[in-house]
Amino acid sequence: RSVLANAEAITRPVLLLHGERDSITPVTQSRALASALGDRGQLVVFPDEGHTLRTPQAQQQAMETELAFLSAALRDTASFPPGR
């Protein structure tokens, strides 16, 4: 059931956003997955955030990061939308 156990099967880029102070899901899990994914994984850790991003600054950074990530991922996709 672990994504980490099947990381080699993931072929698409993955963005991981994680709060350093997350008491529900340890940030070590995202760090391990990002490491296992290598170039396919991008991890952004928010030092003062928990399981959810509460500050406007963190939310804005997350949205800007997501936009940049998706723009790059979609630009690099040979066939979008799928089936075309």
N, C-alpha and C. Protein backbone atom coordinates (compact mmCIF):
# COMPACT_ATOMS: atom_id res chain seq x y z
N ARG A 1 0.81 -1.20 0.00
CA ARG A 1 0.00 0.00 0.00
C ARG A 1 0.85 1.26 0.00
N SER A 2 2.09 1.16 0.30
CA SER A 2 2.94 2.34 0.40
C SER A 2 3.36 2.86 -0.96
N VAL A 3 3.19 4.13 -1.17
CA VAL A 3 3.66 4.76 -2.41
C VAL A 3 5.17 4.62 -2.48
N LEU A 4 5.83 4.77 -1.36
CA LEU A 4 7.29 4.68 -1.32
C LEU A 4 7.77 3.32 -1.80
N ALA A 5 7.06 2.27 -1.47
CA ALA A 5 7.45 0.92 -1.90
C ALA A 5 7.33 0.73 -3.41
N ASN A 6 6.55 1.59 -4.05
CA ASN A 6 6.33 1.49 -5.49
C ASN A 6 6.83 2.71 -6.25
N ALA A 7 7.74 3.45 -5.66
CA ALA A 7 8.22 4.70 -6.26
C ALA A 7 8.82 4.48 -7.65
N GLU A 8 9.43 3.34 -7.87
CA GLU A 8 10.06 3.09 -9.18
C GLU A 8 9.02 3.01 -10.29
N ALA A 9 7.78 2.74 -9.95
CA ALA A 9 6.72 2.65 -10.95
C ALA A 9 6.16 4.02 -11.35
N ILE A 10 6.51 5.04 -10.59
CA ILE A 10 6.02 6.39 -10.88
C ILE A 10 6.89 6.99 -11.97
N THR A 11 6.28 7.32 -13.09
CA THR A 11 7.04 7.84 -14.22
C THR A 11 6.80 9.32 -14.46
N ARG A 12 5.79 9.88 -13.87
CA ARG A 12 5.46 11.29 -14.06
C ARG A 12 6.04 12.14 -12.93
N PRO A 13 6.21 13.44 -13.18
CA PRO A 13 6.71 14.33 -12.13
C PRO A 13 5.73 14.40 -10.96
N VAL A 14 6.28 14.50 -9.76
CA VAL A 14 5.47 14.56 -8.54
C VAL A 14 5.92 15.76 -7.72
N LEU A 15 4.96 16.58 -7.30
CA LEU A 15 5.23 17.71 -6.41
C LEU A 15 4.74 17.36 -5.03
N LEU A 16 5.60 17.49 -4.05
CA LEU A 16 5.25 17.21 -2.66
C LEU A 16 5.36 18.51 -1.87
N LEU A 17 4.28 18.92 -1.23
CA LEU A 17 4.26 20.09 -0.37
C LEU A 17 3.99 19.60 1.04
N HIS A 18 4.87 19.98 1.98
CA HIS A 18 4.76 19.40 3.32
C HIS A 18 5.14 20.40 4.39
N GLY A 19 4.35 20.46 5.45
CA GLY A 19 4.66 21.29 6.60
C GLY A 19 5.65 20.57 7.51
N GLU A 20 6.70 21.27 7.89
CA GLU A 20 7.74 20.71 8.76
C GLU A 20 7.15 20.27 10.11
N ARG A 21 6.14 20.97 10.56
CA ARG A 21 5.55 20.69 11.88
C ARG A 21 4.30 19.80 11.80
N ASP A 22 4.17 19.06 10.74
CA ASP A 22 3.02 18.17 10.54
C ASP A 22 3.07 17.06 11.59
N SER A 23 2.05 17.03 12.44
CA SER A 23 2.01 16.01 13.49
C SER A 23 1.20 14.79 13.06
N ILE A 24 0.61 14.83 11.88
CA ILE A 24 -0.19 13.71 11.38
C ILE A 24 0.63 12.83 10.44
N THR A 25 1.28 13.44 9.48
CA THR A 25 2.14 12.73 8.54
C THR A 25 3.55 13.29 8.67
N PRO A 26 4.48 12.52 9.19
CA PRO A 26 5.84 13.03 9.38
C PRO A 26 6.47 13.46 8.07
N VAL A 27 7.17 14.59 8.10
CA VAL A 27 7.82 15.12 6.91
C VAL A 27 8.88 14.15 6.39
N THR A 28 9.35 13.27 7.24
CA THR A 28 10.33 12.27 6.80
C THR A 28 9.76 11.38 5.69
N GLN A 29 8.44 11.18 5.69
CA GLN A 29 7.82 10.37 4.64
C GLN A 29 7.93 11.06 3.28
N SER A 30 7.69 12.36 3.24
CA SER A 30 7.83 13.08 1.98
C SER A 30 9.29 13.17 1.56
N ARG A 31 10.17 13.34 2.51
CA ARG A 31 11.60 13.38 2.18
C ARG A 31 12.05 12.04 1.59
N ALA A 32 11.59 10.95 2.16
CA ALA A 32 11.96 9.63 1.66
C ALA A 32 11.41 9.41 0.26
N LEU A 33 10.16 9.82 0.02
CA LEU A 33 9.56 9.65 -1.30
C LEU A 33 10.28 10.52 -2.33
N ALA A 34 10.57 11.75 -1.98
CA ALA A 34 11.28 12.64 -2.90
C ALA A 34 12.64 12.05 -3.25
N SER A 35 13.31 11.50 -2.27
CA SER A 35 14.61 10.87 -2.50
C SER A 35 14.48 9.67 -3.43
N ALA A 36 13.46 8.86 -3.20
CA ALA A 36 13.25 7.66 -4.03
C ALA A 36 12.87 8.05 -5.46
N LEU A 37 12.18 9.15 -5.63
CA LEU A 37 11.76 9.59 -6.96
C LEU A 37 12.90 10.23 -7.74
N GLY A 38 13.87 10.74 -7.05
CA GLY A 38 14.99 11.40 -7.73
C GLY A 38 14.52 12.61 -8.52
N ASP A 39 14.88 12.67 -9.79
CA ASP A 39 14.53 13.81 -10.65
C ASP A 39 13.03 13.95 -10.88
N ARG A 40 12.27 12.89 -10.64
CA ARG A 40 10.82 12.95 -10.85
C ARG A 40 10.09 13.61 -9.69
N GLY A 41 10.79 13.80 -8.56
CA GLY A 41 10.16 14.37 -7.37
C GLY A 41 10.69 15.74 -7.02
N GLN A 42 9.77 16.60 -6.62
CA GLN A 42 10.14 17.93 -6.14
C GLN A 42 9.46 18.12 -4.79
N LEU A 43 10.25 18.39 -3.76
CA LEU A 43 9.73 18.56 -2.41
C LEU A 43 9.92 20.00 -1.97
N VAL A 44 8.85 20.59 -1.46
CA VAL A 44 8.90 21.91 -0.84
C VAL A 44 8.40 21.74 0.59
N VAL A 45 9.26 22.11 1.54
CA VAL A 45 8.92 21.99 2.96
C VAL A 45 8.66 23.39 3.51
N PHE A 46 7.57 23.53 4.22
CA PHE A 46 7.19 24.79 4.84
C PHE A 46 7.54 24.70 6.33
N PRO A 47 8.59 25.41 6.76
CA PRO A 47 9.14 25.24 8.12
C PRO A 47 8.15 25.51 9.25
N ASP A 48 7.28 26.48 9.10
CA ASP A 48 6.40 26.87 10.21
C ASP A 48 4.96 26.40 10.03
N GLU A 49 4.76 25.40 9.18
CA GLU A 49 3.41 24.92 8.92
C GLU A 49 3.24 23.49 9.39
N GLY A 50 1.99 23.12 9.63
CA GLY A 50 1.66 21.77 10.06
C GLY A 50 1.06 20.97 8.91
N HIS A 51 0.02 20.20 9.23
CA HIS A 51 -0.61 19.33 8.23
C HIS A 51 -1.32 20.14 7.15
N THR A 52 -1.80 21.32 7.50
CA THR A 52 -2.40 22.21 6.52
C THR A 52 -1.63 23.52 6.52
N LEU A 53 -1.62 24.18 5.39
CA LEU A 53 -0.93 25.47 5.28
C LEU A 53 -1.90 26.55 5.72
N ARG A 54 -1.59 27.19 6.81
CA ARG A 54 -2.53 28.15 7.40
C ARG A 54 -2.19 29.60 7.11
N THR A 55 -0.92 29.94 6.98
CA THR A 55 -0.59 31.35 6.78
C THR A 55 -0.79 31.74 5.31
N PRO A 56 -1.22 32.97 5.09
CA PRO A 56 -1.39 33.42 3.72
C PRO A 56 -0.10 33.33 2.91
N GLN A 57 1.02 33.57 3.55
CA GLN A 57 2.31 33.50 2.84
C GLN A 57 2.59 32.08 2.35
N ALA A 58 2.35 31.10 3.20
CA ALA A 58 2.58 29.71 2.81
C ALA A 58 1.59 29.29 1.73
N GLN A 59 0.35 29.71 1.85
CA GLN A 59 -0.66 29.38 0.84
C GLN A 59 -0.28 29.98 -0.50
N GLN A 60 0.17 31.23 -0.50
CA GLN A 60 0.57 31.87 -1.75
C GLN A 60 1.78 31.17 -2.35
N GLN A 61 2.77 30.85 -1.51
CA GLN A 61 3.96 30.14 -2.01
C GLN A 61 3.56 28.79 -2.59
N ALA A 62 2.67 28.08 -1.93
CA ALA A 62 2.22 26.77 -2.43
C ALA A 62 1.53 26.92 -3.79
N MET A 63 0.65 27.91 -3.92
CA MET A 63 -0.05 28.09 -5.19
C MET A 63 0.91 28.49 -6.31
N GLU A 64 1.86 29.35 -6.01
CA GLU A 64 2.83 29.75 -7.03
C GLU A 64 3.71 28.56 -7.43
N THR A 65 4.08 27.74 -6.44
CA THR A 65 4.87 26.55 -6.72
C THR A 65 4.09 25.56 -7.56
N GLU A 66 2.82 25.36 -7.22
CA GLU A 66 1.96 24.45 -7.99
C GLU A 66 1.80 24.93 -9.43
N LEU A 67 1.60 26.23 -9.61
CA LEU A 67 1.44 26.79 -10.95
C LEU A 67 2.70 26.56 -11.79
N ALA A 68 3.86 26.84 -11.20
CA ALA A 68 5.12 26.65 -11.92
C ALA A 68 5.34 25.17 -12.24
N PHE A 69 5.06 24.32 -11.28
CA PHE A 69 5.24 22.88 -11.46
C PHE A 69 4.34 22.36 -12.58
N LEU A 70 3.05 22.71 -12.52
CA LEU A 70 2.11 22.23 -13.53
C LEU A 70 2.41 22.81 -14.90
N SER A 71 2.81 24.06 -14.96
CA SER A 71 3.17 24.67 -16.24
C SER A 71 4.33 23.92 -16.87
N ALA A 72 5.34 23.62 -16.09
CA ALA A 72 6.50 22.88 -16.61
C ALA A 72 6.11 21.46 -16.98
N ALA A 73 5.33 20.80 -16.14
CA ALA A 73 4.95 19.40 -16.40
C ALA A 73 4.10 19.30 -17.65
N LEU A 74 3.18 20.22 -17.83
CA LEU A 74 2.30 20.16 -19.00
C LEU A 74 3.04 20.57 -20.27
N ARG A 75 3.98 21.47 -20.15
CA ARG A 75 4.78 21.89 -21.30
C ARG A 75 5.64 20.72 -21.78
N ASP A 76 6.09 19.88 -20.85
CA ASP A 76 6.95 18.75 -21.19
C ASP A 76 6.17 17.51 -21.60
N THR A 77 4.85 17.57 -21.52
CA THR A 77 4.03 16.42 -21.89
C THR A 77 3.83 16.42 -23.40
N ALA A 78 4.16 15.32 -24.02
CA ALA A 78 4.09 15.23 -25.49
C ALA A 78 2.64 15.24 -25.97
N SER A 79 1.74 14.65 -25.22
CA SER A 79 0.35 14.54 -25.67
C SER A 79 -0.57 15.00 -24.55
N PHE A 80 -1.10 16.20 -24.66
CA PHE A 80 -2.03 16.70 -23.68
C PHE A 80 -3.18 17.38 -24.41
N PRO A 81 -4.40 17.13 -24.09
CA PRO A 81 -4.85 16.16 -23.10
C PRO A 81 -4.63 14.73 -23.57
N PRO A 82 -4.68 13.77 -22.64
CA PRO A 82 -4.48 12.37 -23.02
C PRO A 82 -5.44 11.95 -24.12
N GLY A 83 -4.95 11.16 -25.04
CA GLY A 83 -5.78 10.67 -26.13
C GLY A 83 -5.67 11.48 -27.40
N ARG A 84 -4.99 12.60 -27.30
CA ARG A 84 -4.82 13.43 -28.50
C ARG A 84 -3.66 13.01 -29.31
